[in-house]
Amino acid sequence: LRKQKGCCNKITVFLNTNRFKKNNG
């Protein structure tokens, strides 16, 4: 972001479990 001389107003954080492991939650 600093490299393109910009600033952000929002931030999103996400998590994903392993969709190939069907037995896991």
mmCIF file of all heavy atoms, coordinates in Angstrom:
data_MODEL
# 
_entry.id   MODEL 
# 
loop_
_atom_site.group_PDB 
_atom_site.id 
_atom_site.type_symbol 
_atom_site.label_atom_id 
_atom_site.label_alt_id 
_atom_site.label_comp_id 
_atom_site.label_asym_id 
_atom_site.label_entity_id 
_atom_site.label_seq_id 
_atom_site.pdbx_PDB_ins_code 
_atom_site.Cartn_x 
_atom_site.Cartn_y 
_atom_site.Cartn_z 
_atom_site.occupancy 
_atom_site.B_iso_or_equiv 
_atom_site.pdbx_formal_charge 
_atom_site.auth_seq_id 
_atom_site.auth_comp_id 
_atom_site.auth_asym_id 
_atom_site.auth_atom_id 
_atom_site.pdbx_PDB_model_num 
ATOM 1   N N   . LEU A 1 1  ? 0.823   -1.200  0.000  1.00 0.00 ? 1  LEU A N   1 
ATOM 2   C CA  . LEU A 1 1  ? 0.000   0.000   0.000  1.00 0.00 ? 1  LEU A CA  1 
ATOM 3   C C   . LEU A 1 1  ? 0.865   1.261   0.000  1.00 0.00 ? 1  LEU A C   1 
ATOM 4   O O   . LEU A 1 1  ? 0.606   2.216   -0.740 1.00 0.00 ? 1  LEU A O   1 
ATOM 5   C CB  . LEU A 1 1  ? -0.916  -0.018  1.224  1.00 0.00 ? 1  LEU A CB  1 
ATOM 6   C CG  . LEU A 1 1  ? -2.006  1.049   1.332  1.00 0.00 ? 1  LEU A CG  1 
ATOM 7   C CD1 . LEU A 1 1  ? -2.920  1.025   0.114  1.00 0.00 ? 1  LEU A CD1 1 
ATOM 8   C CD2 . LEU A 1 1  ? -2.819  0.838   2.602  1.00 0.00 ? 1  LEU A CD2 1 
ATOM 9   N N   . ARG A 1 2  ? 1.910   1.256   0.826  1.00 0.00 ? 2  ARG A N   1 
ATOM 10  C CA  . ARG A 1 2  ? 2.824   2.415   0.855  1.00 0.00 ? 2  ARG A CA  1 
ATOM 11  C C   . ARG A 1 2  ? 3.557   2.557   -0.471 1.00 0.00 ? 2  ARG A C   1 
ATOM 12  O O   . ARG A 1 2  ? 3.846   3.677   -0.917 1.00 0.00 ? 2  ARG A O   1 
ATOM 13  C CB  . ARG A 1 2  ? 3.831   2.272   2.005  1.00 0.00 ? 2  ARG A CB  1 
ATOM 14  C CG  . ARG A 1 2  ? 3.209   2.400   3.385  1.00 0.00 ? 2  ARG A CG  1 
ATOM 15  C CD  . ARG A 1 2  ? 4.278   2.563   4.461  1.00 0.00 ? 2  ARG A CD  1 
ATOM 16  N NE  . ARG A 1 2  ? 5.140   1.397   4.594  1.00 0.00 ? 2  ARG A NE  1 
ATOM 17  C CZ  . ARG A 1 2  ? 4.877   0.350   5.353  1.00 0.00 ? 2  ARG A CZ  1 
ATOM 18  N NH1 . ARG A 1 2  ? 3.741   0.293   6.040  1.00 0.00 ? 2  ARG A NH1 1 
ATOM 19  N NH2 . ARG A 1 2  ? 5.729   -0.665  5.435  1.00 0.00 ? 2  ARG A NH2 1 
ATOM 20  N N   . LYS A 1 3  ? 3.848   1.432   -1.099 1.00 0.00 ? 3  LYS A N   1 
ATOM 21  C CA  . LYS A 1 3  ? 4.578   1.447   -2.366 1.00 0.00 ? 3  LYS A CA  1 
ATOM 22  C C   . LYS A 1 3  ? 3.782   2.168   -3.452 1.00 0.00 ? 3  LYS A C   1 
ATOM 23  O O   . LYS A 1 3  ? 4.367   2.836   -4.312 1.00 0.00 ? 3  LYS A O   1 
ATOM 24  C CB  . LYS A 1 3  ? 4.882   0.009   -2.793 1.00 0.00 ? 3  LYS A CB  1 
ATOM 25  C CG  . LYS A 1 3  ? 6.025   -0.131  -3.762 1.00 0.00 ? 3  LYS A CG  1 
ATOM 26  C CD  . LYS A 1 3  ? 6.398   -1.591  -3.965 1.00 0.00 ? 3  LYS A CD  1 
ATOM 27  C CE  . LYS A 1 3  ? 7.546   -1.728  -4.952 1.00 0.00 ? 3  LYS A CE  1 
ATOM 28  N NZ  . LYS A 1 3  ? 7.914   -3.146  -5.173 1.00 0.00 ? 3  LYS A NZ  1 
ATOM 29  N N   . GLN A 1 4  ? 2.456   2.039   -3.427 1.00 0.00 ? 4  GLN A N   1 
ATOM 30  C CA  . GLN A 1 4  ? 1.632   2.737   -4.422 1.00 0.00 ? 4  GLN A CA  1 
ATOM 31  C C   . GLN A 1 4  ? 1.104   4.074   -3.891 1.00 0.00 ? 4  GLN A C   1 
ATOM 32  O O   . GLN A 1 4  ? 0.223   4.689   -4.499 1.00 0.00 ? 4  GLN A O   1 
ATOM 33  C CB  . GLN A 1 4  ? 0.477   1.852   -4.881 1.00 0.00 ? 4  GLN A CB  1 
ATOM 34  C CG  . GLN A 1 4  ? -0.671  1.695   -3.899 1.00 0.00 ? 4  GLN A CG  1 
ATOM 35  C CD  . GLN A 1 4  ? -1.877  1.019   -4.540 1.00 0.00 ? 4  GLN A CD  1 
ATOM 36  O OE1 . GLN A 1 4  ? -1.754  0.037   -5.261 1.00 0.00 ? 4  GLN A OE1 1 
ATOM 37  N NE2 . GLN A 1 4  ? -3.060  1.555   -4.300 1.00 0.00 ? 4  GLN A NE2 1 
ATOM 38  N N   . LYS A 1 5  ? 1.653   4.504   -2.731 1.00 0.00 ? 5  LYS A N   1 
ATOM 39  C CA  . LYS A 1 5  ? 1.320   5.801   -2.120 1.00 0.00 ? 5  LYS A CA  1 
ATOM 40  C C   . LYS A 1 5  ? -0.176  5.933   -1.853 1.00 0.00 ? 5  LYS A C   1 
ATOM 41  O O   . LYS A 1 5  ? -0.811  6.952   -2.159 1.00 0.00 ? 5  LYS A O   1 
ATOM 42  C CB  . LYS A 1 5  ? 1.821   6.948   -3.001 1.00 0.00 ? 5  LYS A CB  1 
ATOM 43  C CG  . LYS A 1 5  ? 3.324   6.936   -3.253 1.00 0.00 ? 5  LYS A CG  1 
ATOM 44  C CD  . LYS A 1 5  ? 3.780   8.162   -3.999 1.00 0.00 ? 5  LYS A CD  1 
ATOM 45  C CE  . LYS A 1 5  ? 5.259   8.086   -4.376 1.00 0.00 ? 5  LYS A CE  1 
ATOM 46  N NZ  . LYS A 1 5  ? 6.135   7.821   -3.226 1.00 0.00 ? 5  LYS A NZ  1 
ATOM 47  N N   . GLY A 1 6  ? -0.722  4.853   -1.291 1.00 0.00 ? 6  GLY A N   1 
ATOM 48  C CA  . GLY A 1 6  ? -2.137  4.845   -0.965 1.00 0.00 ? 6  GLY A CA  1 
ATOM 49  C C   . GLY A 1 6  ? -2.387  4.611   0.512  1.00 0.00 ? 6  GLY A C   1 
ATOM 50  O O   . GLY A 1 6  ? -1.472  4.268   1.272  1.00 0.00 ? 6  GLY A O   1 
ATOM 51  N N   . CYS A 1 7  ? -3.621  4.810   0.932  1.00 0.00 ? 7  CYS A N   1 
ATOM 52  C CA  . CYS A 1 7  ? -4.061  4.529   2.302  1.00 0.00 ? 7  CYS A CA  1 
ATOM 53  C C   . CYS A 1 7  ? -5.417  3.831   2.219  1.00 0.00 ? 7  CYS A C   1 
ATOM 54  O O   . CYS A 1 7  ? -6.208  4.096   1.310  1.00 0.00 ? 7  CYS A O   1 
ATOM 55  C CB  . CYS A 1 7  ? -4.195  5.815   3.113  1.00 0.00 ? 7  CYS A CB  1 
ATOM 56  S SG  . CYS A 1 7  ? -2.626  6.624   3.499  1.00 0.00 ? 7  CYS A SG  1 
ATOM 57  N N   . CYS A 1 8  ? -5.693  2.935   3.159  1.00 0.00 ? 8  CYS A N   1 
ATOM 58  C CA  . CYS A 1 8  ? -6.945  2.188   3.130  1.00 0.00 ? 8  CYS A CA  1 
ATOM 59  C C   . CYS A 1 8  ? -7.870  2.650   4.250  1.00 0.00 ? 8  CYS A C   1 
ATOM 60  O O   . CYS A 1 8  ? -7.427  3.071   5.323  1.00 0.00 ? 8  CYS A O   1 
ATOM 61  C CB  . CYS A 1 8  ? -6.689  0.690   3.240  1.00 0.00 ? 8  CYS A CB  1 
ATOM 62  S SG  . CYS A 1 8  ? -6.001  0.167   4.823  1.00 0.00 ? 8  CYS A SG  1 
ATOM 63  N N   . ASN A 1 9  ? -9.173  2.537   3.986  1.00 0.00 ? 9  ASN A N   1 
ATOM 64  C CA  . ASN A 1 9  ? -10.183 2.894   4.984  1.00 0.00 ? 9  ASN A CA  1 
ATOM 65  C C   . ASN A 1 9  ? -10.772 1.668   5.671  1.00 0.00 ? 9  ASN A C   1 
ATOM 66  O O   . ASN A 1 9  ? -11.356 1.782   6.738  1.00 0.00 ? 9  ASN A O   1 
ATOM 67  C CB  . ASN A 1 9  ? -11.318 3.681   4.322  1.00 0.00 ? 9  ASN A CB  1 
ATOM 68  C CG  . ASN A 1 9  ? -10.925 5.120   4.023  1.00 0.00 ? 9  ASN A CG  1 
ATOM 69  O OD1 . ASN A 1 9  ? -10.817 5.938   4.928  1.00 0.00 ? 9  ASN A OD1 1 
ATOM 70  N ND2 . ASN A 1 9  ? -10.683 5.414   2.747  1.00 0.00 ? 9  ASN A ND2 1 
ATOM 71  N N   . LYS A 1 10 ? -10.613 0.495   5.027  1.00 0.00 ? 10 LYS A N   1 
ATOM 72  C CA  . LYS A 1 10 ? -11.202 -0.725  5.569  1.00 0.00 ? 10 LYS A CA  1 
ATOM 73  C C   . LYS A 1 10 ? -10.213 -1.884  5.490  1.00 0.00 ? 10 LYS A C   1 
ATOM 74  O O   . LYS A 1 10 ? -9.303  -1.880  4.657  1.00 0.00 ? 10 LYS A O   1 
ATOM 75  C CB  . LYS A 1 10 ? -12.475 -1.103  4.796  1.00 0.00 ? 10 LYS A CB  1 
ATOM 76  C CG  . LYS A 1 10 ? -13.585 -0.083  4.842  1.00 0.00 ? 10 LYS A CG  1 
ATOM 77  C CD  . LYS A 1 10 ? -14.765 -0.536  4.000  1.00 0.00 ? 10 LYS A CD  1 
ATOM 78  C CE  . LYS A 1 10 ? -15.889 0.499   4.011  1.00 0.00 ? 10 LYS A CE  1 
ATOM 79  N NZ  . LYS A 1 10 ? -17.030 0.073   3.163  1.00 0.00 ? 10 LYS A NZ  1 
ATOM 80  N N   . ILE A 1 11 ? -10.424 -2.882  6.347  1.00 0.00 ? 11 ILE A N   1 
ATOM 81  C CA  . ILE A 1 11 ? -9.623  -4.096  6.307  1.00 0.00 ? 11 ILE A CA  1 
ATOM 82  C C   . ILE A 1 11 ? -10.532 -5.297  6.516  1.00 0.00 ? 11 ILE A C   1 
ATOM 83  O O   . ILE A 1 11 ? -11.432 -5.271  7.361  1.00 0.00 ? 11 ILE A O   1 
ATOM 84  C CB  . ILE A 1 11 ? -8.498  -4.075  7.372  1.00 0.00 ? 11 ILE A CB  1 
ATOM 85  C CG1 . ILE A 1 11 ? -7.624  -5.339  7.269  1.00 0.00 ? 11 ILE A CG1 1 
ATOM 86  C CG2 . ILE A 1 11 ? -9.066  -3.941  8.779  1.00 0.00 ? 11 ILE A CG2 1 
ATOM 87  C CD1 . ILE A 1 11 ? -6.376  -5.280  8.121  1.00 0.00 ? 11 ILE A CD1 1 
ATOM 88  N N   . THR A 1 12 ? -10.346 -6.325  5.704  1.00 0.00 ? 12 THR A N   1 
ATOM 89  C CA  . THR A 1 12 ? -11.080 -7.576  5.841  1.00 0.00 ? 12 THR A CA  1 
ATOM 90  C C   . THR A 1 12 ? -10.101 -8.694  6.157  1.00 0.00 ? 12 THR A C   1 
ATOM 91  O O   . THR A 1 12 ? -9.049  -8.802  5.521  1.00 0.00 ? 12 THR A O   1 
ATOM 92  C CB  . THR A 1 12 ? -11.851 -7.921  4.550  1.00 0.00 ? 12 THR A CB  1 
ATOM 93  O OG1 . THR A 1 12 ? -12.836 -6.921  4.310  1.00 0.00 ? 12 THR A OG1 1 
ATOM 94  C CG2 . THR A 1 12 ? -12.529 -9.282  4.651  1.00 0.00 ? 12 THR A CG2 1 
ATOM 95  N N   . VAL A 1 13 ? -10.431 -9.513  7.123  1.00 0.00 ? 13 VAL A N   1 
ATOM 96  C CA  . VAL A 1 13 ? -9.634  -10.692 7.481  1.00 0.00 ? 13 VAL A CA  1 
ATOM 97  C C   . VAL A 1 13 ? -10.528 -11.922 7.327  1.00 0.00 ? 13 VAL A C   1 
ATOM 98  O O   . VAL A 1 13 ? -11.695 -11.897 7.742  1.00 0.00 ? 13 VAL A O   1 
ATOM 99  C CB  . VAL A 1 13 ? -9.091  -10.594 8.924  1.00 0.00 ? 13 VAL A CB  1 
ATOM 100 C CG1 . VAL A 1 13 ? -8.401  -11.894 9.331  1.00 0.00 ? 13 VAL A CG1 1 
ATOM 101 C CG2 . VAL A 1 13 ? -8.133  -9.421  9.042  1.00 0.00 ? 13 VAL A CG2 1 
ATOM 102 N N   . PHE A 1 14 ? -9.989  -12.979 6.711  1.00 0.00 ? 14 PHE A N   1 
ATOM 103 C CA  . PHE A 1 14 ? -10.786 -14.195 6.541  1.00 0.00 ? 14 PHE A CA  1 
ATOM 104 C C   . PHE A 1 14 ? -9.963  -15.437 6.878  1.00 0.00 ? 14 PHE A C   1 
ATOM 105 O O   . PHE A 1 14 ? -8.726  -15.425 6.827  1.00 0.00 ? 14 PHE A O   1 
ATOM 106 C CB  . PHE A 1 14 ? -11.339 -14.298 5.118  1.00 0.00 ? 14 PHE A CB  1 
ATOM 107 C CG  . PHE A 1 14 ? -10.303 -14.472 4.045  1.00 0.00 ? 14 PHE A CG  1 
ATOM 108 C CD1 . PHE A 1 14 ? -9.824  -15.732 3.694  1.00 0.00 ? 14 PHE A CD1 1 
ATOM 109 C CD2 . PHE A 1 14 ? -9.794  -13.371 3.367  1.00 0.00 ? 14 PHE A CD2 1 
ATOM 110 C CE1 . PHE A 1 14 ? -8.864  -15.888 2.700  1.00 0.00 ? 14 PHE A CE1 1 
ATOM 111 C CE2 . PHE A 1 14 ? -8.834  -13.509 2.368  1.00 0.00 ? 14 PHE A CE2 1 
ATOM 112 C CZ  . PHE A 1 14 ? -8.370  -14.780 2.045  1.00 0.00 ? 14 PHE A CZ  1 
ATOM 113 N N   . LEU A 1 15 ? -10.668 -16.504 7.221  1.00 0.00 ? 15 LEU A N   1 
ATOM 114 C CA  . LEU A 1 15 ? -10.079 -17.809 7.494  1.00 0.00 ? 15 LEU A CA  1 
ATOM 115 C C   . LEU A 1 15 ? -10.852 -18.866 6.723  1.00 0.00 ? 15 LEU A C   1 
ATOM 116 O O   . LEU A 1 15 ? -12.074 -18.747 6.557  1.00 0.00 ? 15 LEU A O   1 
ATOM 117 C CB  . LEU A 1 15 ? -10.144 -18.145 8.992  1.00 0.00 ? 15 LEU A CB  1 
ATOM 118 C CG  . LEU A 1 15 ? -9.348  -17.273 9.964  1.00 0.00 ? 15 LEU A CG  1 
ATOM 119 C CD1 . LEU A 1 15 ? -9.724  -17.627 11.392 1.00 0.00 ? 15 LEU A CD1 1 
ATOM 120 C CD2 . LEU A 1 15 ? -7.844  -17.445 9.753  1.00 0.00 ? 15 LEU A CD2 1 
ATOM 121 N N   . ASN A 1 16 ? -10.156 -19.901 6.242  1.00 0.00 ? 16 ASN A N   1 
ATOM 122 C CA  . ASN A 1 16 ? -10.808 -21.017 5.563  1.00 0.00 ? 16 ASN A CA  1 
ATOM 123 C C   . ASN A 1 16 ? -10.294 -22.335 6.125  1.00 0.00 ? 16 ASN A C   1 
ATOM 124 O O   . ASN A 1 16 ? -9.080  -22.492 6.294  1.00 0.00 ? 16 ASN A O   1 
ATOM 125 C CB  . ASN A 1 16 ? -10.543 -21.001 4.054  1.00 0.00 ? 16 ASN A CB  1 
ATOM 126 C CG  . ASN A 1 16 ? -11.248 -19.856 3.354  1.00 0.00 ? 16 ASN A CG  1 
ATOM 127 O OD1 . ASN A 1 16 ? -12.216 -19.307 3.863  1.00 0.00 ? 16 ASN A OD1 1 
ATOM 128 N ND2 . ASN A 1 16 ? -10.756 -19.491 2.175  1.00 0.00 ? 16 ASN A ND2 1 
ATOM 129 N N   . THR A 1 17 ? -11.185 -23.263 6.396  1.00 0.00 ? 17 THR A N   1 
ATOM 130 C CA  . THR A 1 17 ? -10.768 -24.617 6.725  1.00 0.00 ? 17 THR A CA  1 
ATOM 131 C C   . THR A 1 17 ? -10.528 -25.380 5.428  1.00 0.00 ? 17 THR A C   1 
ATOM 132 O O   . THR A 1 17 ? -10.786 -24.871 4.338  1.00 0.00 ? 17 THR A O   1 
ATOM 133 C CB  . THR A 1 17 ? -11.843 -25.328 7.566  1.00 0.00 ? 17 THR A CB  1 
ATOM 134 O OG1 . THR A 1 17 ? -13.116 -25.161 6.927  1.00 0.00 ? 17 THR A OG1 1 
ATOM 135 C CG2 . THR A 1 17 ? -11.906 -24.747 8.979  1.00 0.00 ? 17 THR A CG2 1 
ATOM 136 N N   . ASN A 1 18 ? -10.040 -26.602 5.530  1.00 0.00 ? 18 ASN A N   1 
ATOM 137 C CA  . ASN A 1 18 ? -9.698  -27.410 4.358  1.00 0.00 ? 18 ASN A CA  1 
ATOM 138 C C   . ASN A 1 18 ? -10.949 -28.086 3.806  1.00 0.00 ? 18 ASN A C   1 
ATOM 139 O O   . ASN A 1 18 ? -11.486 -29.015 4.399  1.00 0.00 ? 18 ASN A O   1 
ATOM 140 C CB  . ASN A 1 18 ? -8.646  -28.463 4.736  1.00 0.00 ? 18 ASN A CB  1 
ATOM 141 C CG  . ASN A 1 18 ? -8.015  -29.099 3.507  1.00 0.00 ? 18 ASN A CG  1 
ATOM 142 O OD1 . ASN A 1 18 ? -8.614  -29.138 2.436  1.00 0.00 ? 18 ASN A OD1 1 
ATOM 143 N ND2 . ASN A 1 18 ? -6.800  -29.595 3.663  1.00 0.00 ? 18 ASN A ND2 1 
ATOM 144 N N   . ARG A 1 19 ? -11.422 -27.617 2.659  1.00 0.00 ? 19 ARG A N   1 
ATOM 145 C CA  . ARG A 1 19 ? -12.664 -28.154 2.088  1.00 0.00 ? 19 ARG A CA  1 
ATOM 146 C C   . ARG A 1 19 ? -12.519 -29.581 1.580  1.00 0.00 ? 19 ARG A C   1 
ATOM 147 O O   . ARG A 1 19 ? -13.514 -30.275 1.340  1.00 0.00 ? 19 ARG A O   1 
ATOM 148 C CB  . ARG A 1 19 ? -13.172 -27.249 0.962  1.00 0.00 ? 19 ARG A CB  1 
ATOM 149 C CG  . ARG A 1 19 ? -12.232 -27.077 -0.211 1.00 0.00 ? 19 ARG A CG  1 
ATOM 150 C CD  . ARG A 1 19 ? -12.732 -25.996 -1.156 1.00 0.00 ? 19 ARG A CD  1 
ATOM 151 N NE  . ARG A 1 19 ? -11.817 -25.740 -2.245 1.00 0.00 ? 19 ARG A NE  1 
ATOM 152 C CZ  . ARG A 1 19 ? -11.852 -26.360 -3.417 1.00 0.00 ? 19 ARG A CZ  1 
ATOM 153 N NH1 . ARG A 1 19 ? -12.785 -27.263 -3.640 1.00 0.00 ? 19 ARG A NH1 1 
ATOM 154 N NH2 . ARG A 1 19 ? -10.977 -26.055 -4.366 1.00 0.00 ? 19 ARG A NH2 1 
ATOM 155 N N   . PHE A 1 20 ? -11.263 -30.039 1.400  1.00 0.00 ? 20 PHE A N   1 
ATOM 156 C CA  . PHE A 1 20 ? -11.050 -31.407 0.934  1.00 0.00 ? 20 PHE A CA  1 
ATOM 157 C C   . PHE A 1 20 ? -11.136 -32.425 2.071  1.00 0.00 ? 20 PHE A C   1 
ATOM 158 O O   . PHE A 1 20 ? -11.254 -33.618 1.827  1.00 0.00 ? 20 PHE A O   1 
ATOM 159 C CB  . PHE A 1 20 ? -9.686  -31.527 0.245  1.00 0.00 ? 20 PHE A CB  1 
ATOM 160 C CG  . PHE A 1 20 ? -9.598  -30.762 -1.052 1.00 0.00 ? 20 PHE A CG  1 
ATOM 161 C CD1 . PHE A 1 20 ? -8.849  -29.602 -1.138 1.00 0.00 ? 20 PHE A CD1 1 
ATOM 162 C CD2 . PHE A 1 20 ? -10.280 -31.183 -2.176 1.00 0.00 ? 20 PHE A CD2 1 
ATOM 163 C CE1 . PHE A 1 20 ? -8.766  -28.887 -2.324 1.00 0.00 ? 20 PHE A CE1 1 
ATOM 164 C CE2 . PHE A 1 20 ? -10.218 -30.481 -3.361 1.00 0.00 ? 20 PHE A CE2 1 
ATOM 165 C CZ  . PHE A 1 20 ? -9.458  -29.322 -3.438 1.00 0.00 ? 20 PHE A CZ  1 
ATOM 166 N N   . LYS A 1 21 ? -11.074 -31.956 3.300  1.00 0.00 ? 21 LYS A N   1 
ATOM 167 C CA  . LYS A 1 21 ? -11.183 -32.845 4.458  1.00 0.00 ? 21 LYS A CA  1 
ATOM 168 C C   . LYS A 1 21 ? -12.615 -32.775 4.981  1.00 0.00 ? 21 LYS A C   1 
ATOM 169 O O   . LYS A 1 21 ? -12.950 -32.024 5.898  1.00 0.00 ? 21 LYS A O   1 
ATOM 170 C CB  . LYS A 1 21 ? -10.177 -32.449 5.530  1.00 0.00 ? 21 LYS A CB  1 
ATOM 171 C CG  . LYS A 1 21 ? -8.725  -32.649 5.099  1.00 0.00 ? 21 LYS A CG  1 
ATOM 172 C CD  . LYS A 1 21 ? -7.745  -32.331 6.227  1.00 0.00 ? 21 LYS A CD  1 
ATOM 173 C CE  . LYS A 1 21 ? -6.296  -32.589 5.775  1.00 0.00 ? 21 LYS A CE  1 
ATOM 174 N NZ  . LYS A 1 21 ? -5.325  -32.279 6.840  1.00 0.00 ? 21 LYS A NZ  1 
ATOM 175 N N   . LYS A 1 22 ? -13.464 -33.596 4.389  1.00 0.00 ? 22 LYS A N   1 
ATOM 176 C CA  . LYS A 1 22 ? -14.896 -33.548 4.668  1.00 0.00 ? 22 LYS A CA  1 
ATOM 177 C C   . LYS A 1 22 ? -15.221 -33.942 6.103  1.00 0.00 ? 22 LYS A C   1 
ATOM 178 O O   . LYS A 1 22 ? -16.254 -33.530 6.655  1.00 0.00 ? 22 LYS A O   1 
ATOM 179 C CB  . LYS A 1 22 ? -15.636 -34.483 3.702  1.00 0.00 ? 22 LYS A CB  1 
ATOM 180 C CG  . LYS A 1 22 ? -15.390 -34.194 2.222  1.00 0.00 ? 22 LYS A CG  1 
ATOM 181 C CD  . LYS A 1 22 ? -15.918 -32.826 1.814  1.00 0.00 ? 22 LYS A CD  1 
ATOM 182 C CE  . LYS A 1 22 ? -15.749 -32.589 0.313  1.00 0.00 ? 22 LYS A CE  1 
ATOM 183 N NZ  . LYS A 1 22 ? -16.206 -31.252 -0.092 1.00 0.00 ? 22 LYS A NZ  1 
ATOM 184 N N   . ASN A 1 23 ? -14.362 -34.769 6.720  1.00 0.00 ? 23 ASN A N   1 
ATOM 185 C CA  . ASN A 1 23 ? -14.637 -35.243 8.074  1.00 0.00 ? 23 ASN A CA  1 
ATOM 186 C C   . ASN A 1 23 ? -14.359 -34.178 9.137  1.00 0.00 ? 23 ASN A C   1 
ATOM 187 O O   . ASN A 1 23 ? -14.800 -34.300 10.279 1.00 0.00 ? 23 ASN A O   1 
ATOM 188 C CB  . ASN A 1 23 ? -13.817 -36.501 8.378  1.00 0.00 ? 23 ASN A CB  1 
ATOM 189 C CG  . ASN A 1 23 ? -14.214 -37.669 7.490  1.00 0.00 ? 23 ASN A CG  1 
ATOM 190 O OD1 . ASN A 1 23 ? -15.378 -37.777 7.092  1.00 0.00 ? 23 ASN A OD1 1 
ATOM 191 N ND2 . ASN A 1 23 ? -13.268 -38.546 7.172  1.00 0.00 ? 23 ASN A ND2 1 
ATOM 192 N N   . ASN A 1 24 ? -13.581 -33.155 8.763  1.00 0.00 ? 24 ASN A N   1 
ATOM 193 C CA  . ASN A 1 24 ? -13.288 -32.068 9.701  1.00 0.00 ? 24 ASN A CA  1 
ATOM 194 C C   . ASN A 1 24 ? -14.415 -31.025 9.669  1.00 0.00 ? 24 ASN A C   1 
ATOM 195 O O   . ASN A 1 24 ? -15.108 -30.866 8.664  1.00 0.00 ? 24 ASN A O   1 
ATOM 196 C CB  . ASN A 1 24 ? -11.969 -31.384 9.357  1.00 0.00 ? 24 ASN A CB  1 
ATOM 197 C CG  . ASN A 1 24 ? -10.773 -32.284 9.611  1.00 0.00 ? 24 ASN A CG  1 
ATOM 198 O OD1 . ASN A 1 24 ? -10.917 -33.377 10.135 1.00 0.00 ? 24 ASN A OD1 1 
ATOM 199 N ND2 . ASN A 1 24 ? -9.594  -31.829 9.239  1.00 0.00 ? 24 ASN A ND2 1 
ATOM 200 N N   . GLY A 1 25 ? -14.556 -30.295 10.760 1.00 0.00 ? 25 GLY A N   1 
ATOM 201 C CA  . GLY A 1 25 ? -15.528 -29.216 10.784 1.00 0.00 ? 25 GLY A CA  1 
ATOM 202 C C   . GLY A 1 25 ? -15.157 -28.120 9.808  1.00 0.00 ? 25 GLY A C   1 
ATOM 203 O O   . GLY A 1 25 ? -13.974 -27.804 9.639  1.00 0.00 ? 25 GLY A O   1 
# 
